[in-house]
Amino acid sequence: MEIAPRISVNKRVRFGKPVITGTRIPVDLILGKLAGGMTYDEVIAEYEITREDILAVLDYEVRVRRRQQGGS
């Protein structure tokens, strides 16, 4: 089930963790790689995803954080 643009969850994929749609790559993995200092280009090459996938991951995380803080 797509829960945000390019982000999906399925209880049979990665224990229901949010992943990039069409992959088994968890959102938190990509966030961790970026936080650890990898560039967009390095992440794209390592995981064979697109810049749009990375931007979707970041957008999804912002939405989750806002929701947790009671924002819109």
PDB file of N, CA and C in Angstrom:
ATOM      1  N   MET A   1       0.843  -1.172   0.000  1.00  0.00           N
ATOM      2  CA  MET A   1       0.000   0.000   0.000  1.00  0.00           C
ATOM      3  C   MET A   1       0.892   1.240   0.000  1.00  0.00           C
ATOM      4  N   GLU A   2       0.638   2.139  -0.925  1.00  0.00           N
ATOM      5  CA  GLU A   2       1.412   3.374  -0.977  1.00  0.00           C
ATOM      6  C   GLU A   2       0.875   4.331   0.089  1.00  0.00           C
ATOM      7  N   ILE A   3       1.758   4.771   0.985  1.00  0.00           N
ATOM      8  CA  ILE A   3       1.359   5.652   2.088  1.00  0.00           C
ATOM      9  C   ILE A   3       1.773   7.091   1.853  1.00  0.00           C
ATOM     10  N   ALA A   4       2.614   7.293   0.864  1.00  0.00           N
ATOM     11  CA  ALA A   4       3.067   8.621   0.443  1.00  0.00           C
ATOM     12  C   ALA A   4       3.611   8.439  -0.970  1.00  0.00           C
ATOM     13  N   PRO A   5       3.769   9.527  -1.700  1.00  0.00           N
ATOM     14  CA  PRO A   5       4.331   9.368  -3.045  1.00  0.00           C
ATOM     15  C   PRO A   5       5.665   8.618  -3.004  1.00  0.00           C
ATOM     16  N   ARG A   6       5.730   7.490  -3.731  1.00  0.00           N
ATOM     17  CA  ARG A   6       6.929   6.659  -3.865  1.00  0.00           C
ATOM     18  C   ARG A   6       7.308   5.883  -2.607  1.00  0.00           C
ATOM     19  N   ILE A   7       6.473   5.915  -1.568  1.00  0.00           N
ATOM     20  CA  ILE A   7       6.757   5.213  -0.314  1.00  0.00           C
ATOM     21  C   ILE A   7       5.607   4.248  -0.031  1.00  0.00           C
ATOM     22  N   SER A   8       5.960   2.971   0.248  1.00  0.00           N
ATOM     23  CA  SER A   8       4.948   1.938   0.464  1.00  0.00           C
ATOM     24  C   SER A   8       5.234   1.139   1.729  1.00  0.00           C
ATOM     25  N   VAL A   9       4.188   0.492   2.224  1.00  0.00           N
ATOM     26  CA  VAL A   9       4.342  -0.485   3.304  1.00  0.00           C
ATOM     27  C   VAL A   9       3.581  -1.749   2.914  1.00  0.00           C
ATOM     28  N   ASN A  10       4.151  -2.867   3.322  1.00  0.00           N
ATOM     29  CA  ASN A  10       3.534  -4.166   3.095  1.00  0.00           C
ATOM     30  C   ASN A  10       4.055  -5.053   4.217  1.00  0.00           C
ATOM     31  N   LYS A  11       3.160  -5.638   4.972  1.00  0.00           N
ATOM     32  CA  LYS A  11       3.604  -6.422   6.127  1.00  0.00           C
ATOM     33  C   LYS A  11       4.520  -7.572   5.737  1.00  0.00           C
ATOM     34  N   ARG A  12       4.519  -7.967   4.471  1.00  0.00           N
ATOM     35  CA  ARG A  12       5.387  -9.055   4.013  1.00  0.00           C
ATOM     36  C   ARG A  12       6.737  -8.568   3.485  1.00  0.00           C
ATOM     37  N   VAL A  13       6.921  -7.259   3.456  1.00  0.00           N
ATOM     38  CA  VAL A  13       8.186  -6.687   2.979  1.00  0.00           C
ATOM     39  C   VAL A  13       8.822  -5.902   4.113  1.00  0.00           C
ATOM     40  N   ARG A  14       9.990  -6.322   4.514  1.00  0.00           N
ATOM     41  CA  ARG A  14      10.742  -5.631   5.575  1.00  0.00           C
ATOM     42  C   ARG A  14       9.927  -5.417   6.836  1.00  0.00           C
ATOM     43  N   PHE A  15       9.127  -6.424   7.185  1.00  0.00           N
ATOM     44  CA  PHE A  15       8.337  -6.406   8.424  1.00  0.00           C
ATOM     45  C   PHE A  15       7.391  -5.213   8.510  1.00  0.00           C
ATOM     46  N   GLY A  16       6.927  -4.724   7.358  1.00  0.00           N
ATOM     47  CA  GLY A  16       5.978  -3.622   7.334  1.00  0.00           C
ATOM     48  C   GLY A  16       6.589  -2.248   7.473  1.00  0.00           C
ATOM     49  N   LYS A  17       7.908  -2.172   7.406  1.00  0.00           N
ATOM     50  CA  LYS A  17       8.567  -0.865   7.476  1.00  0.00           C
ATOM     51  C   LYS A  17       8.355  -0.119   6.159  1.00  0.00           C
ATOM     52  N   PRO A  18       8.300   1.208   6.188  1.00  0.00           N
ATOM     53  CA  PRO A  18       8.175   1.961   4.939  1.00  0.00           C
ATOM     54  C   PRO A  18       9.398   1.742   4.041  1.00  0.00           C
ATOM     55  N   VAL A  19       9.129   1.477   2.775  1.00  0.00           N
ATOM     56  CA  VAL A  19      10.184   1.256   1.782  1.00  0.00           C
ATOM     57  C   VAL A  19       9.905   2.121   0.558  1.00  0.00           C
ATOM     58  N   ILE A  20      10.929   2.278  -0.256  1.00  0.00           N
ATOM     59  CA  ILE A  20      10.740   2.947  -1.539  1.00  0.00           C
ATOM     60  C   ILE A  20       9.917   2.008  -2.412  1.00  0.00           C
ATOM     61  N   THR A  21       8.836   2.512  -2.956  1.00  0.00           N
ATOM     62  CA  THR A  21       7.919   1.707  -3.756  1.00  0.00           C
ATOM     63  C   THR A  21       8.667   0.966  -4.864  1.00  0.00           C
ATOM     64  N   GLY A  22       8.352  -0.331  -4.977  1.00  0.00           N
ATOM     65  CA  GLY A  22       8.965  -1.152  -6.008  1.00  0.00           C
ATOM     66  C   GLY A  22      10.318  -1.716  -5.618  1.00  0.00           C
ATOM     67  N   THR A  23      10.735  -1.467  -4.378  1.00  0.00           N
ATOM     68  CA  THR A  23      12.011  -1.982  -3.883  1.00  0.00           C
ATOM     69  C   THR A  23      11.797  -2.587  -2.503  1.00  0.00           C
ATOM     70  N   ARG A  24      12.858  -3.099  -1.932  1.00  0.00           N
ATOM     71  CA  ARG A  24      12.850  -3.561  -0.545  1.00  0.00           C
ATOM     72  C   ARG A  24      13.756  -2.650   0.294  1.00  0.00           C
ATOM     73  N   ILE A  25      13.994  -1.442  -0.196  1.00  0.00           N
ATOM     74  CA  ILE A  25      14.918  -0.512   0.459  1.00  0.00           C
ATOM     75  C   ILE A  25      14.152   0.336   1.472  1.00  0.00           C
ATOM     76  N   PRO A  26      14.446   0.148   2.762  1.00  0.00           N
ATOM     77  CA  PRO A  26      13.732   0.895   3.794  1.00  0.00           C
ATOM     78  C   PRO A  26      14.086   2.378   3.801  1.00  0.00           C
ATOM     79  N   VAL A  27      13.089   3.175   4.108  1.00  0.00           N
ATOM     80  CA  VAL A  27      13.267   4.615   4.229  1.00  0.00           C
ATOM     81  C   VAL A  27      14.371   4.931   5.241  1.00  0.00           C
ATOM     82  N   ASP A  28      14.347   4.246   6.388  1.00  0.00           N
ATOM     83  CA  ASP A  28      15.328   4.564   7.429  1.00  0.00           C
ATOM     84  C   ASP A  28      16.758   4.237   7.004  1.00  0.00           C
ATOM     85  N   LEU A  29      16.945   3.280   6.108  1.00  0.00           N
ATOM     86  CA  LEU A  29      18.285   2.984   5.601  1.00  0.00           C
ATOM     87  C   LEU A  29      18.825   4.166   4.806  1.00  0.00           C
ATOM     88  N   ILE A  30      18.000   4.701   3.921  1.00  0.00           N
ATOM     89  CA  ILE A  30      18.427   5.836   3.099  1.00  0.00           C
ATOM     90  C   ILE A  30      18.690   7.058   3.977  1.00  0.00           C
ATOM     91  N   LEU A  31      17.820   7.303   4.940  1.00  0.00           N
ATOM     92  CA  LEU A  31      18.036   8.428   5.857  1.00  0.00           C
ATOM     93  C   LEU A  31      19.356   8.275   6.606  1.00  0.00           C
ATOM     94  N   GLY A  32      19.627   7.065   7.056  1.00  0.00           N
ATOM     95  CA  GLY A  32      20.871   6.808   7.778  1.00  0.00           C
ATOM     96  C   GLY A  32      22.100   7.024   6.913  1.00  0.00           C
ATOM     97  N   LYS A  33      22.035   6.592   5.680  1.00  0.00           N
ATOM     98  CA  LYS A  33      23.169   6.779   4.767  1.00  0.00           C
ATOM     99  C   LYS A  33      23.428   8.262   4.513  1.00  0.00           C
ATOM    100  N   LEU A  34      22.359   9.028   4.296  1.00  0.00           N
ATOM    101  CA  LEU A  34      22.518  10.468   4.086  1.00  0.00           C
ATOM    102  C   LEU A  34      23.043  11.144   5.353  1.00  0.00           C
ATOM    103  N   ALA A  35      22.500  10.774   6.493  1.00  0.00           N
ATOM    104  CA  ALA A  35      22.950  11.351   7.767  1.00  0.00           C
ATOM    105  C   ALA A  35      24.405  10.991   8.045  1.00  0.00           C
ATOM    106  N   GLY A  36      24.821   9.835   7.564  1.00  0.00           N
ATOM    107  CA  GLY A  36      26.197   9.388   7.754  1.00  0.00           C
ATOM    108  C   GLY A  36      27.198  10.032   6.812  1.00  0.00           C
ATOM    109  N   GLY A  37      26.707  10.840   5.883  1.00  0.00           N
ATOM    110  CA  GLY A  37      27.614  11.582   5.017  1.00  0.00           C
ATOM    111  C   GLY A  37      27.655  11.171   3.564  1.00  0.00           C
ATOM    112  N   MET A  38      26.901  10.137   3.188  1.00  0.00           N
ATOM    113  CA  MET A  38      26.878   9.771   1.769  1.00  0.00           C
ATOM    114  C   MET A  38      26.178  10.871   0.977  1.00  0.00           C
ATOM    115  N   THR A  39      26.655  11.102  -0.223  1.00  0.00           N
ATOM    116  CA  THR A  39      26.012  12.075  -1.101  1.00  0.00           C
ATOM    117  C   THR A  39      24.834  11.418  -1.815  1.00  0.00           C
ATOM    118  N   TYR A  40      23.993  12.246  -2.412  1.00  0.00           N
ATOM    119  CA  TYR A  40      22.886  11.704  -3.203  1.00  0.00           C
ATOM    120  C   TYR A  40      23.430  10.758  -4.270  1.00  0.00           C
ATOM    121  N   ASP A  41      24.484  11.196  -4.969  1.00  0.00           N
ATOM    122  CA  ASP A  41      25.033  10.383  -6.049  1.00  0.00           C
ATOM    123  C   ASP A  41      25.558   9.043  -5.546  1.00  0.00           C
ATOM    124  N   GLU A  42      26.167   9.025  -4.368  1.00  0.00           N
ATOM    125  CA  GLU A  42      26.663   7.769  -3.800  1.00  0.00           C
ATOM    126  C   GLU A  42      25.502   6.835  -3.450  1.00  0.00           C
ATOM    127  N   VAL A  43      24.448   7.391  -2.873  1.00  0.00           N
ATOM    128  CA  VAL A  43      23.272   6.584  -2.513  1.00  0.00           C
ATOM    129  C   VAL A  43      22.603   6.040  -3.777  1.00  0.00           C
ATOM    130  N   ILE A  44      22.479   6.885  -4.776  1.00  0.00           N
ATOM    131  CA  ILE A  44      21.869   6.474  -6.043  1.00  0.00           C
ATOM    132  C   ILE A  44      22.654   5.313  -6.660  1.00  0.00           C
ATOM    133  N   ALA A  45      23.972   5.422  -6.666  1.00  0.00           N
ATOM    134  CA  ALA A  45      24.811   4.368  -7.249  1.00  0.00           C
ATOM    135  C   ALA A  45      24.762   3.090  -6.414  1.00  0.00           C
ATOM    136  N   GLU A  46      24.807   3.228  -5.104  1.00  0.00           N
ATOM    137  CA  GLU A  46      24.843   2.063  -4.213  1.00  0.00           C
ATOM    138  C   GLU A  46      23.534   1.264  -4.232  1.00  0.00           C
ATOM    139  N   TYR A  47      22.401   1.970  -4.263  1.00  0.00           N
ATOM    140  CA  TYR A  47      21.104   1.305  -4.118  1.00  0.00           C
ATOM    141  C   TYR A  47      20.263   1.287  -5.395  1.00  0.00           C
ATOM    142  N   GLU A  48      20.797   1.836  -6.470  1.00  0.00           N
ATOM    143  CA  GLU A  48      20.101   1.860  -7.763  1.00  0.00           C
ATOM    144  C   GLU A  48      18.712   2.469  -7.638  1.00  0.00           C
ATOM    145  N   ILE A  49      18.650   3.623  -6.986  1.00  0.00           N
ATOM    146  CA  ILE A  49      17.413   4.390  -6.875  1.00  0.00           C
ATOM    147  C   ILE A  49      17.620   5.717  -7.584  1.00  0.00           C
ATOM    148  N   THR A  50      16.588   6.536  -7.615  1.00  0.00           N
ATOM    149  CA  THR A  50      16.671   7.815  -8.310  1.00  0.00           C
ATOM    150  C   THR A  50      16.713   8.970  -7.315  1.00  0.00           C
ATOM    151  N   ARG A  51      17.065  10.114  -7.832  1.00  0.00           N
ATOM    152  CA  ARG A  51      17.047  11.336  -7.012  1.00  0.00           C
ATOM    153  C   ARG A  51      15.629  11.576  -6.488  1.00  0.00           C
ATOM    154  N   GLU A  52      14.635  11.293  -7.319  1.00  0.00           N
ATOM    155  CA  GLU A  52      13.242  11.469  -6.915  1.00  0.00           C
ATOM    156  C   GLU A  52      12.888  10.542  -5.754  1.00  0.00           C
ATOM    157  N   ASP A  53      13.461   9.335  -5.742  1.00  0.00           N
ATOM    158  CA  ASP A  53      13.252   8.423  -4.613  1.00  0.00           C
ATOM    159  C   ASP A  53      13.821   9.027  -3.325  1.00  0.00           C
ATOM    160  N   ILE A  54      15.013   9.581  -3.410  1.00  0.00           N
ATOM    161  CA  ILE A  54      15.630  10.197  -2.233  1.00  0.00           C
ATOM    162  C   ILE A  54      14.781  11.370  -1.745  1.00  0.00           C
ATOM    163  N   LEU A  55      14.330  12.205  -2.665  1.00  0.00           N
ATOM    164  CA  LEU A  55      13.493  13.346  -2.278  1.00  0.00           C
ATOM    165  C   LEU A  55      12.186  12.873  -1.656  1.00  0.00           C
ATOM    166  N   ALA A  56      11.637  11.765  -2.148  1.00  0.00           N
ATOM    167  CA  ALA A  56      10.409  11.209  -1.565  1.00  0.00           C
ATOM    168  C   ALA A  56      10.661  10.722  -0.139  1.00  0.00           C
ATOM    169  N   VAL A  57      11.814  10.098   0.092  1.00  0.00           N
ATOM    170  CA  VAL A  57      12.186   9.652   1.435  1.00  0.00           C
ATOM    171  C   VAL A  57      12.253  10.850   2.380  1.00  0.00           C
ATOM    172  N   LEU A  58      12.913  11.903   1.953  1.00  0.00           N
ATOM    173  CA  LEU A  58      13.044  13.091   2.800  1.00  0.00           C
ATOM    174  C   LEU A  58      11.688  13.741   3.057  1.00  0.00           C
ATOM    175  N   ASP A  59      10.863  13.827   2.033  1.00  0.00           N
ATOM    176  CA  ASP A  59       9.528  14.395   2.184  1.00  0.00           C
ATOM    177  C   ASP A  59       8.685  13.570   3.149  1.00  0.00           C
ATOM    178  N   TYR A  60       8.764  12.258   3.016  1.00  0.00           N
ATOM    179  CA  TYR A  60       8.021  11.369   3.906  1.00  0.00           C
ATOM    180  C   TYR A  60       8.459  11.581   5.355  1.00  0.00           C
ATOM    181  N   GLU A  61       9.737  11.663   5.585  1.00  0.00           N
ATOM    182  CA  GLU A  61      10.241  11.843   6.951  1.00  0.00           C
ATOM    183  C   GLU A  61       9.770  13.172   7.540  1.00  0.00           C
ATOM    184  N   VAL A  62       9.768  14.212   6.752  1.00  0.00           N
ATOM    185  CA  VAL A  62       9.272  15.511   7.229  1.00  0.00           C
ATOM    186  C   VAL A  62       7.804  15.399   7.615  1.00  0.00           C
ATOM    187  N   ARG A  63       7.018  14.730   6.794  1.00  0.00           N
ATOM    188  CA  ARG A  63       5.587  14.565   7.096  1.00  0.00           C
ATOM    189  C   ARG A  63       5.374  13.779   8.389  1.00  0.00           C
ATOM    190  N   VAL A  64       6.146  12.720   8.575  1.00  0.00           N
ATOM    191  CA  VAL A  64       6.034  11.911   9.795  1.00  0.00           C
ATOM    192  C   VAL A  64       6.390  12.753  11.012  1.00  0.00           C
ATOM    193  N   ARG A  65       7.470  13.492  10.926  1.00  0.00           N
ATOM    194  CA  ARG A  65       7.899  14.331  12.066  1.00  0.00           C
ATOM    195  C   ARG A  65       6.852  15.390  12.399  1.00  0.00           C
ATOM    196  N   ARG A  66       6.303  16.017  11.376  1.00  0.00           N
ATOM    197  CA  ARG A  66       5.269  17.035  11.616  1.00  0.00           C
ATOM    198  C   ARG A  66       4.066  16.428  12.313  1.00  0.00           C
ATOM    199  N   ARG A  67       3.657  15.245  11.848  1.00  0.00           N
ATOM    200  CA  ARG A  67       2.509  14.570  12.430  1.00  0.00           C
ATOM    201  C   ARG A  67       2.792  14.234  13.899  1.00  0.00           C
ATOM    202  N   GLN A  68       3.998  13.798  14.198  1.00  0.00           N
ATOM    203  CA  GLN A  68       4.369  13.459  15.574  1.00  0.00           C
ATOM    204  C   GLN A  68       4.373  14.684  16.472  1.00  0.00           C
ATOM    205  N   GLN A  69       4.648  15.831  15.891  1.00  0.00           N
ATOM    206  CA  GLN A  69       4.685  17.078  16.663  1.00  0.00           C
ATOM    207  C   GLN A  69       3.343  17.787  16.677  1.00  0.00           C
ATOM    208  N   GLY A  70       2.353  17.181  16.053  1.00  0.00           N
ATOM    209  CA  GLY A  70       1.014  17.755  16.048  1.00  0.00           C
ATOM    210  C   GLY A  70       0.797  18.822  14.995  1.00  0.00           C
ATOM    211  N   GLY A  71       1.732  18.935  14.053  1.00  0.00           N
ATOM    212  CA  GLY A  71       1.594  19.921  12.983  1.00  0.00           C
ATOM    213  C   GLY A  71       0.853  19.341  11.800  1.00  0.00           C
ATOM    214  N   SER A  72       0.765  20.143  10.755  1.00  0.00           N
ATOM    215  CA  SER A  72       0.067  19.668   9.551  1.00  0.00           C
ATOM    216  C   SER A  72       1.012  19.301   8.447  1.00  0.00           C
TER     217      SER A  72
END
